[in-house]
PDB file of N, CA and C in Angstrom:
ATOM      1  N   MET A   1       0.820  -1.193   0.000  1.00  0.00           N
ATOM      2  CA  MET A   1       0.000   0.000   0.000  1.00  0.00           C
ATOM      3  C   MET A   1       0.870   1.265   0.000  1.00  0.00           C
ATOM      4  N   VAL A   2       1.886   1.272   0.860  1.00  0.00           N
ATOM      5  CA  VAL A   2       2.764   2.440   0.959  1.00  0.00           C
ATOM      6  C   VAL A   2       3.422   2.736  -0.385  1.00  0.00           C
ATOM      7  N   GLU A   3       3.852   1.688  -1.064  1.00  0.00           N
ATOM      8  CA  GLU A   3       4.498   1.867  -2.364  1.00  0.00           C
ATOM      9  C   GLU A   3       3.559   2.544  -3.357  1.00  0.00           C
ATOM     10  N   PHE A   4       2.283   2.163  -3.331  1.00  0.00           N
ATOM     11  CA  PHE A   4       1.308   2.747  -4.249  1.00  0.00           C
ATOM     12  C   PHE A   4       1.016   4.203  -3.889  1.00  0.00           C
ATOM     13  N   VAL A   5       0.894   4.487  -2.599  1.00  0.00           N
ATOM     14  CA  VAL A   5       0.666   5.873  -2.167  1.00  0.00           C
ATOM     15  C   VAL A   5       1.830   6.742  -2.631  1.00  0.00           C
ATOM     16  N   GLN A   6       3.060   6.242  -2.466  1.00  0.00           N
ATOM     17  CA  GLN A   6       4.234   7.001  -2.892  1.00  0.00           C
ATOM     18  C   GLN A   6       4.238   7.207  -4.402  1.00  0.00           C
ATOM     19  N   GLN A   7       3.915   6.162  -5.138  1.00  0.00           N
ATOM     20  CA  GLN A   7       3.917   6.247  -6.598  1.00  0.00           C
ATOM     21  C   GLN A   7       2.870   7.234  -7.110  1.00  0.00           C
ATOM     22  N   GLU A   8       1.708   7.237  -6.479  1.00  0.00           N
ATOM     23  CA  GLU A   8       0.633   8.138  -6.897  1.00  0.00           C
ATOM     24  C   GLU A   8       0.870   9.581  -6.448  1.00  0.00           C
ATOM     25  N   ASN A   9       1.745   9.763  -5.465  1.00  0.00           N
ATOM     26  CA  ASN A   9       1.992  11.090  -4.899  1.00  0.00           C
ATOM     27  C   ASN A   9       3.493  11.326  -4.759  1.00  0.00           C
ATOM     28  N   PRO A  10       4.210  11.464  -5.861  1.00  0.00           N
ATOM     29  CA  PRO A  10       5.669  11.581  -5.795  1.00  0.00           C
ATOM     30  C   PRO A  10       6.161  12.810  -5.037  1.00  0.00           C
ATOM     31  N   HIS A  11       5.285  13.793  -4.853  1.00  0.00           N
ATOM     32  CA  HIS A  11       5.669  14.991  -4.108  1.00  0.00           C
ATOM     33  C   HIS A  11       5.696  14.744  -2.597  1.00  0.00           C
ATOM     34  N   LEU A  12       5.140  13.598  -2.148  1.00  0.00           N
ATOM     35  CA  LEU A  12       5.142  13.247  -0.724  1.00  0.00           C
ATOM     36  C   LEU A  12       6.354  12.390  -0.392  1.00  0.00           C
ATOM     37  N   ARG A  13       6.655  12.290   0.898  1.00  0.00           N
ATOM     38  CA  ARG A  13       7.719  11.406   1.395  1.00  0.00           C
ATOM     39  C   ARG A  13       7.028  10.341   2.237  1.00  0.00           C
ATOM     40  N   VAL A  14       6.803   9.166   1.646  1.00  0.00           N
ATOM     41  CA  VAL A  14       6.049   8.093   2.291  1.00  0.00           C
ATOM     42  C   VAL A  14       6.991   6.923   2.571  1.00  0.00           C
ATOM     43  N   PHE A  15       7.002   6.472   3.824  1.00  0.00           N
ATOM     44  CA  PHE A  15       7.846   5.358   4.231  1.00  0.00           C
ATOM     45  C   PHE A  15       7.033   4.415   5.103  1.00  0.00           C
ATOM     46  N   ASN A  16       7.356   3.148   5.067  1.00  0.00           N
ATOM     47  CA  ASN A  16       6.750   2.149   5.943  1.00  0.00           C
ATOM     48  C   ASN A  16       7.840   1.748   6.927  1.00  0.00           C
ATOM     49  N   ILE A  17       7.679   2.097   8.202  1.00  0.00           N
ATOM     50  CA  ILE A  17       8.756   1.828   9.153  1.00  0.00           C
ATOM     51  C   ILE A  17       8.327   0.907  10.288  1.00  0.00           C
ATOM     52  N   ASN A  18       9.277   0.139  10.755  1.00  0.00           N
ATOM     53  CA  ASN A  18       9.134  -0.651  11.973  1.00  0.00           C
ATOM     54  C   ASN A  18       9.924   0.112  13.031  1.00  0.00           C
ATOM     55  N   PRO A  19       9.280   0.557  14.110  1.00  0.00           N
ATOM     56  CA  PRO A  19       9.965   1.397  15.091  1.00  0.00           C
ATOM     57  C   PRO A  19      10.982   0.664  15.958  1.00  0.00           C
ATOM     58  N   GLY A  20      10.984  -0.658  15.921  1.00  0.00           N
ATOM     59  CA  GLY A  20      11.924  -1.411  16.750  1.00  0.00           C
ATOM     60  C   GLY A  20      11.260  -1.938  18.004  1.00  0.00           C
ATOM     61  N   ALA A  21      12.067  -2.461  18.895  1.00  0.00           N
ATOM     62  CA  ALA A  21      11.572  -3.031  20.156  1.00  0.00           C
ATOM     63  C   ALA A  21      11.748  -1.987  21.255  1.00  0.00           C
ATOM     64  N   ILE A  22      10.711  -1.208  21.470  1.00  0.00           N
ATOM     65  CA  ILE A  22      10.736  -0.084  22.401  1.00  0.00           C
ATOM     66  C   ILE A  22       9.961  -0.443  23.661  1.00  0.00           C
ATOM     67  N   ALA A  23      10.498  -0.054  24.800  1.00  0.00           N
ATOM     68  CA  ALA A  23       9.803  -0.293  26.071  1.00  0.00           C
ATOM     69  C   ALA A  23       8.621   0.669  26.187  1.00  0.00           C
ATOM     70  N   THR A  24       7.412   0.142  26.091  1.00  0.00           N
ATOM     71  CA  THR A  24       6.192   0.922  26.292  1.00  0.00           C
ATOM     72  C   THR A  24       5.354   0.199  27.337  1.00  0.00           C
ATOM     73  N   GLU A  25       4.350   0.860  27.846  1.00  0.00           N
ATOM     74  CA  GLU A  25       3.478   0.214  28.830  1.00  0.00           C
ATOM     75  C   GLU A  25       2.804  -1.019  28.229  1.00  0.00           C
ATOM     76  N   MET A  26       2.342  -0.908  26.992  1.00  0.00           N
ATOM     77  CA  MET A  26       1.690  -2.036  26.342  1.00  0.00           C
ATOM     78  C   MET A  26       2.674  -3.200  26.168  1.00  0.00           C
ATOM     79  N   GLN A  27       3.893  -2.891  25.776  1.00  0.00           N
ATOM     80  CA  GLN A  27       4.888  -3.946  25.586  1.00  0.00           C
ATOM     81  C   GLN A  27       5.220  -4.618  26.906  1.00  0.00           C
ATOM     82  N   LYS A  28       5.346  -3.830  27.958  1.00  0.00           N
ATOM     83  CA  LYS A  28       5.664  -4.394  29.275  1.00  0.00           C
ATOM     84  C   LYS A  28       4.579  -5.364  29.729  1.00  0.00           C
ATOM     85  N   LYS A  29       3.327  -5.025  29.456  1.00  0.00           N
ATOM     86  CA  LYS A  29       2.212  -5.892  29.845  1.00  0.00           C
ATOM     87  C   LYS A  29       2.195  -7.182  29.036  1.00  0.00           C
ATOM     88  N   SER A  30       2.616  -7.110  27.774  1.00  0.00           N
ATOM     89  CA  SER A  30       2.573  -8.308  26.931  1.00  0.00           C
ATOM     90  C   SER A  30       3.688  -9.283  27.283  1.00  0.00           C
ATOM     91  N   GLY A  31       4.837  -8.757  27.651  1.00  0.00           N
ATOM     92  CA  GLY A  31       5.963  -9.601  28.015  1.00  0.00           C
ATOM     93  C   GLY A  31       6.502 -10.443  26.878  1.00  0.00           C
ATOM     94  N   ASP A  32       6.113 -10.136  25.656  1.00  0.00           N
ATOM     95  CA  ASP A  32       6.488 -10.962  24.508  1.00  0.00           C
ATOM     96  C   ASP A  32       7.946 -10.832  24.075  1.00  0.00           C
ATOM     97  N   ILE A  33       8.455  -9.616  24.023  1.00  0.00           N
ATOM     98  CA  ILE A  33       9.802  -9.429  23.490  1.00  0.00           C
ATOM     99  C   ILE A  33      10.650  -8.574  24.417  1.00  0.00           C
ATOM    100  N   ALA A  34      11.930  -8.773  24.310  1.00  0.00           N
ATOM    101  CA  ALA A  34      12.852  -7.923  25.055  1.00  0.00           C
ATOM    102  C   ALA A  34      12.955  -6.585  24.336  1.00  0.00           C
ATOM    103  N   THR A  35      13.058  -5.517  25.090  1.00  0.00           N
ATOM    104  CA  THR A  35      13.217  -4.200  24.485  1.00  0.00           C
ATOM    105  C   THR A  35      14.707  -3.917  24.356  1.00  0.00           C
ATOM    106  N   VAL A  36      15.094  -3.511  23.191  1.00  0.00           N
ATOM    107  CA  VAL A  36      16.507  -3.263  22.937  1.00  0.00           C
ATOM    108  C   VAL A  36      16.773  -1.893  22.333  1.00  0.00           C
ATOM    109  N   ASP A  37      15.749  -1.210  21.882  1.00  0.00           N
ATOM    110  CA  ASP A  37      15.936   0.066  21.200  1.00  0.00           C
ATOM    111  C   ASP A  37      15.504   1.232  22.085  1.00  0.00           C
ATOM    112  N   ASN A  38      16.207   2.333  21.951  1.00  0.00           N
ATOM    113  CA  ASN A  38      15.906   3.546  22.694  1.00  0.00           C
ATOM    114  C   ASN A  38      14.677   4.215  22.088  1.00  0.00           C
ATOM    115  N   ILE A  39      13.838   4.762  22.935  1.00  0.00           N
ATOM    116  CA  ILE A  39      12.594   5.391  22.465  1.00  0.00           C
ATOM    117  C   ILE A  39      12.858   6.578  21.534  1.00  0.00           C
ATOM    118  N   ARG A  40      14.041   7.180  21.618  1.00  0.00           N
ATOM    119  CA  ARG A  40      14.384   8.314  20.746  1.00  0.00           C
ATOM    120  C   ARG A  40      14.711   7.874  19.316  1.00  0.00           C
ATOM    121  N   LEU A  41      15.046   6.608  19.160  1.00  0.00           N
ATOM    122  CA  LEU A  41      15.493   6.117  17.857  1.00  0.00           C
ATOM    123  C   LEU A  41      14.458   6.308  16.746  1.00  0.00           C
ATOM    124  N   PRO A  42      13.208   5.857  16.906  1.00  0.00           N
ATOM    125  CA  PRO A  42      12.240   6.043  15.814  1.00  0.00           C
ATOM    126  C   PRO A  42      12.002   7.515  15.477  1.00  0.00           C
ATOM    127  N   ALA A  43      11.983   8.363  16.493  1.00  0.00           N
ATOM    128  CA  ALA A  43      11.765   9.791  16.244  1.00  0.00           C
ATOM    129  C   ALA A  43      12.916  10.382  15.436  1.00  0.00           C
ATOM    130  N   SER A  44      14.129  10.079  15.831  1.00  0.00           N
ATOM    131  CA  SER A  44      15.301  10.592  15.114  1.00  0.00           C
ATOM    132  C   SER A  44      15.348  10.062  13.688  1.00  0.00           C
ATOM    133  N   TYR A  45      15.013   8.799  13.527  1.00  0.00           N
ATOM    134  CA  TYR A  45      15.020   8.172  12.202  1.00  0.00           C
ATOM    135  C   TYR A  45      13.989   8.841  11.294  1.00  0.00           C
ATOM    136  N   CYS A  46      12.808   9.100  11.841  1.00  0.00           N
ATOM    137  CA  CYS A  46      11.751   9.749  11.051  1.00  0.00           C
ATOM    138  C   CYS A  46      12.149  11.164  10.646  1.00  0.00           C
ATOM    139  N   VAL A  47      12.824  11.873  11.533  1.00  0.00           N
ATOM    140  CA  VAL A  47      13.306  13.213  11.184  1.00  0.00           C
ATOM    141  C   VAL A  47      14.288  13.117  10.022  1.00  0.00           C
ATOM    142  N   TRP A  48      15.203  12.134  10.088  1.00  0.00           N
ATOM    143  CA  TRP A  48      16.169  11.954   8.998  1.00  0.00           C
ATOM    144  C   TRP A  48      15.440  11.631   7.690  1.00  0.00           C
ATOM    145  N   LEU A  49      14.491  10.699   7.733  1.00  0.00           N
ATOM    146  CA  LEU A  49      13.755  10.332   6.520  1.00  0.00           C
ATOM    147  C   LEU A  49      13.002  11.522   5.931  1.00  0.00           C
ATOM    148  N   ALA A  50      12.393  12.306   6.792  1.00  0.00           N
ATOM    149  CA  ALA A  50      11.560  13.417   6.334  1.00  0.00           C
ATOM    150  C   ALA A  50      12.369  14.603   5.819  1.00  0.00           C
ATOM    151  N   SER A  51      13.594  14.760   6.312  1.00  0.00           N
ATOM    152  CA  SER A  51      14.332  15.981   6.006  1.00  0.00           C
ATOM    153  C   SER A  51      15.568  15.789   5.134  1.00  0.00           C
ATOM    154  N   SER A  52      16.011  14.569   4.938  1.00  0.00           N
ATOM    155  CA  SER A  52      17.268  14.337   4.227  1.00  0.00           C
ATOM    156  C   SER A  52      17.040  13.997   2.758  1.00  0.00           C
ATOM    157  N   LYS A  53      17.673  14.743   1.882  1.00  0.00           N
ATOM    158  CA  LYS A  53      17.630  14.420   0.453  1.00  0.00           C
ATOM    159  C   LYS A  53      18.302  13.076   0.196  1.00  0.00           C
ATOM    160  N   GLU A  54      19.245  12.694   1.073  1.00  0.00           N
ATOM    161  CA  GLU A  54      19.926  11.405   0.937  1.00  0.00           C
ATOM    162  C   GLU A  54      18.945  10.236   1.022  1.00  0.00           C
ATOM    163  N   ALA A  55      17.834  10.447   1.718  1.00  0.00           N
ATOM    164  CA  ALA A  55      16.857   9.374   1.933  1.00  0.00           C
ATOM    165  C   ALA A  55      15.818   9.286   0.819  1.00  0.00           C
ATOM    166  N   ASP A  56      15.906  10.145  -0.178  1.00  0.00           N
ATOM    167  CA  ASP A  56      14.905  10.154  -1.254  1.00  0.00           C
ATOM    168  C   ASP A  56      14.715   8.787  -1.906  1.00  0.00           C
ATOM    169  N   TYR A  57      15.798   8.049  -2.104  1.00  0.00           N
ATOM    170  CA  TYR A  57      15.686   6.756  -2.784  1.00  0.00           C
ATOM    171  C   TYR A  57      14.973   5.706  -1.940  1.00  0.00           C
ATOM    172  N   LEU A  58      14.741   6.002  -0.670  1.00  0.00           N
ATOM    173  CA  LEU A  58      14.052   5.066   0.222  1.00  0.00           C
ATOM    174  C   LEU A  58      12.542   5.307   0.277  1.00  0.00           C
ATOM    175  N   LYS A  59      12.068   6.341  -0.415  1.00  0.00           N
ATOM    176  CA  LYS A  59      10.633   6.626  -0.406  1.00  0.00           C
ATOM    177  C   LYS A  59       9.860   5.413  -0.907  1.00  0.00           C
ATOM    178  N   GLY A  60       8.772   5.074  -0.200  1.00  0.00           N
ATOM    179  CA  GLY A  60       7.926   3.956  -0.584  1.00  0.00           C
ATOM    180  C   GLY A  60       8.447   2.597  -0.144  1.00  0.00           C
ATOM    181  N   ARG A  61       9.532   2.565   0.606  1.00  0.00           N
ATOM    182  CA  ARG A  61      10.143   1.290   1.011  1.00  0.00           C
ATOM    183  C   ARG A  61       9.892   0.991   2.484  1.00  0.00           C
ATOM    184  N   PHE A  62      10.113  -0.270   2.849  1.00  0.00           N
ATOM    185  CA  PHE A  62       9.939  -0.739   4.229  1.00  0.00           C
ATOM    186  C   PHE A  62      11.281  -0.684   4.941  1.00  0.00           C
ATOM    187  N   LEU A  63      11.297  -0.037   6.110  1.00  0.00           N
ATOM    188  CA  LEU A  63      12.545   0.184   6.836  1.00  0.00           C
ATOM    189  C   LEU A  63      12.379  -0.104   8.318  1.00  0.00           C
ATOM    190  N   TRP A  64      13.451  -0.546   8.937  1.00  0.00           N
ATOM    191  CA  TRP A  64      13.501  -0.705  10.384  1.00  0.00           C
ATOM    192  C   TRP A  64      14.318   0.461  10.926  1.00  0.00           C
ATOM    193  N   THR A  65      13.853   1.086  11.986  1.00  0.00           N
ATOM    194  CA  THR A  65      14.539   2.277  12.488  1.00  0.00           C
ATOM    195  C   THR A  65      15.870   1.972  13.157  1.00  0.00           C
ATOM    196  N   ASN A  66      16.143   0.717  13.435  1.00  0.00           N
ATOM    197  CA  ASN A  66      17.432   0.407  14.060  1.00  0.00           C
ATOM    198  C   ASN A  66      18.506   0.035  13.031  1.00  0.00           C
ATOM    199  N   TRP A  67      18.220   0.210  11.757  1.00  0.00           N
ATOM    200  CA  TRP A  67      19.223  -0.027  10.725  1.00  0.00           C
ATOM    201  C   TRP A  67      20.225   1.112  10.693  1.00  0.00           C
ATOM    202  N   ASP A  68      21.437   0.792  10.374  1.00  0.00           N
ATOM    203  CA  ASP A  68      22.524   1.760  10.275  1.00  0.00           C
ATOM    204  C   ASP A  68      22.324   2.622   9.019  1.00  0.00           C
ATOM    205  N   VAL A  69      22.148   3.916   9.220  1.00  0.00           N
ATOM    206  CA  VAL A  69      21.890   4.840   8.110  1.00  0.00           C
ATOM    207  C   VAL A  69      23.081   4.877   7.155  1.00  0.00           C
ATOM    208  N   THR A  70      24.277   4.851   7.692  1.00  0.00           N
ATOM    209  CA  THR A  70      25.475   4.864   6.846  1.00  0.00           C
ATOM    210  C   THR A  70      25.499   3.654   5.919  1.00  0.00           C
ATOM    211  N   GLU A  71      25.153   2.490   6.454  1.00  0.00           N
ATOM    212  CA  GLU A  71      25.123   1.279   5.627  1.00  0.00           C
ATOM    213  C   GLU A  71      24.031   1.365   4.566  1.00  0.00           C
ATOM    214  N   LEU A  72      22.868   1.902   4.932  1.00  0.00           N
ATOM    215  CA  LEU A  72      21.798   2.077   3.943  1.00  0.00           C
ATOM    216  C   LEU A  72      22.273   2.956   2.788  1.00  0.00           C
ATOM    217  N   LEU A  73      22.979   4.015   3.121  1.00  0.00           N
ATOM    218  CA  LEU A  73      23.479   4.920   2.085  1.00  0.00           C
ATOM    219  C   LEU A  73      24.542   4.238   1.227  1.00  0.00           C
ATOM    220  N   GLN A  74      25.383   3.428   1.846  1.00  0.00           N
ATOM    221  CA  GLN A  74      26.413   2.702   1.100  1.00  0.00           C
ATOM    222  C   GLN A  74      25.799   1.675   0.154  1.00  0.00           C
ATOM    223  N   ARG A  75      24.640   1.153   0.505  1.00  0.00           N
ATOM    224  CA  ARG A  75      23.992   0.110  -0.299  1.00  0.00           C
ATOM    225  C   ARG A  75      22.919   0.677  -1.236  1.00  0.00           C
ATOM    226  N   LYS A  76      22.910   1.978  -1.417  1.00  0.00           N
ATOM    227  CA  LYS A  76      21.893   2.649  -2.227  1.00  0.00           C
ATOM    228  C   LYS A  76      21.738   2.014  -3.608  1.00  0.00           C
ATOM    229  N   ASP A  77      22.834   1.849  -4.337  1.00  0.00           N
ATOM    230  CA  ASP A  77      22.754   1.302  -5.696  1.00  0.00           C
ATOM    231  C   ASP A  77      22.171  -0.108  -5.698  1.00  0.00           C
ATOM    232  N   GLU A  78      22.605  -0.934  -4.751  1.00  0.00           N
ATOM    233  CA  GLU A  78      22.098  -2.307  -4.637  1.00  0.00           C
ATOM    234  C   GLU A  78      20.601  -2.317  -4.337  1.00  0.00           C
ATOM    235  N   ILE A  79      20.182  -1.466  -3.414  1.00  0.00           N
ATOM    236  CA  ILE A  79      18.771  -1.386  -3.020  1.00  0.00           C
ATOM    237  C   ILE A  79      17.906  -0.970  -4.207  1.00  0.00           C
ATOM    238  N   LYS A  80      18.362   0.031  -4.951  1.00  0.00           N
ATOM    239  CA  LYS A  80      17.596   0.493  -6.106  1.00  0.00           C
ATOM    240  C   LYS A  80      17.599  -0.533  -7.236  1.00  0.00           C
ATOM    241  N   LYS A  81      18.774  -1.079  -7.555  1.00  0.00           N
ATOM    242  CA  LYS A  81      18.901  -2.007  -8.677  1.00  0.00           C
ATOM    243  C   LYS A  81      18.077  -3.271  -8.469  1.00  0.00           C
ATOM    244  N   GLN A  82      18.096  -3.801  -7.244  1.00  0.00           N
ATOM    245  CA  GLN A  82      17.389  -5.046  -6.954  1.00  0.00           C
ATOM    246  C   GLN A  82      15.985  -4.812  -6.402  1.00  0.00           C
ATOM    247  N   ASN A  83      15.581  -3.539  -6.336  1.00  0.00           N
ATOM    248  CA  ASN A  83      14.272  -3.161  -5.806  1.00  0.00           C
ATOM    249  C   ASN A  83      14.033  -3.779  -4.428  1.00  0.00           C
ATOM    250  N   LEU A  84      15.033  -3.649  -3.569  1.00  0.00           N
ATOM    251  CA  LEU A  84      14.956  -4.205  -2.223  1.00  0.00           C
ATOM    252  C   LEU A  84      14.087  -3.335  -1.319  1.00  0.00           C
ATOM    253  N   LEU A  85      13.682  -3.891  -0.212  1.00  0.00           N
ATOM    254  CA  LEU A  85      12.896  -3.212   0.827  1.00  0.00           C
ATOM    255  C   LEU A  85      11.496  -2.846   0.338  1.00  0.00           C
ATOM    256  N   THR A  86      10.971  -3.663  -0.566  1.00  0.00           N
ATOM    257  CA  THR A  86       9.606  -3.486  -1.054  1.00  0.00           C
ATOM    258  C   THR A  86       8.840  -4.781  -0.817  1.00  0.00           C
ATOM    259  N   HIS A  87       7.539  -4.701  -0.909  1.00  0.00           N
ATOM    260  CA  HIS A  87       6.702  -5.888  -0.786  1.00  0.00           C
ATOM    261  C   HIS A  87       6.336  -6.370  -2.182  1.00  0.00           C
ATOM    262  N   GLY A  88       6.310  -7.670  -2.353  1.00  0.00           N
ATOM    263  CA  GLY A  88       5.910  -8.183  -3.653  1.00  0.00           C
ATOM    264  C   GLY A  88       6.017  -9.688  -3.730  1.00  0.00           C
ATOM    265  N   LEU A  89       5.490 -10.218  -4.783  1.00  0.00           N
ATOM    266  CA  LEU A  89       5.562 -11.645  -5.059  1.00  0.00           C
ATOM    267  C   LEU A  89       6.726 -11.853  -6.017  1.00  0.00           C
ATOM    268  N   VAL A  90       7.755 -12.538  -5.550  1.00  0.00           N
ATOM    269  CA  VAL A  90       8.980 -12.696  -6.324  1.00  0.00           C
ATOM    270  C   VAL A  90       9.228 -14.173  -6.588  1.00  0.00           C
ATOM    271  N   GLY A  91       9.748 -14.492  -7.751  1.00  0.00           N
ATOM    272  CA  GLY A  91      10.166 -15.852  -8.024  1.00  0.00           C
ATOM    273  C   GLY A  91       9.243 -16.666  -8.901  1.00  0.00           C
ATOM    274  N   LEU A  92       8.218 -16.071  -9.437  1.00  0.00           N
ATOM    275  CA  LEU A  92       7.320 -16.815 -10.327  1.00  0.00           C
ATOM    276  C   LEU A  92       7.682 -16.588 -11.773  1.00  0.00           C
TER     277      LEU A  92
END
């Protein structure tokens, strides 16, 4: 869905993000997963995505906020060429 919204509205900056494993009241009650990410991480990541021209090639893609931004930038050509970080049916 995010990919289609981005394609139909190229003037927007649309991303599908996973905020990570953050300690919240709901998470504490569920007890399902260990929290490993700082609560500031998703906010900082979203600011980078929204404001950085470097992140333009990631528009419409699925991202985890705990990924290394430097590595994402280093892998830009690979991500674009192989259409990585998107949803789809591959291999048919």
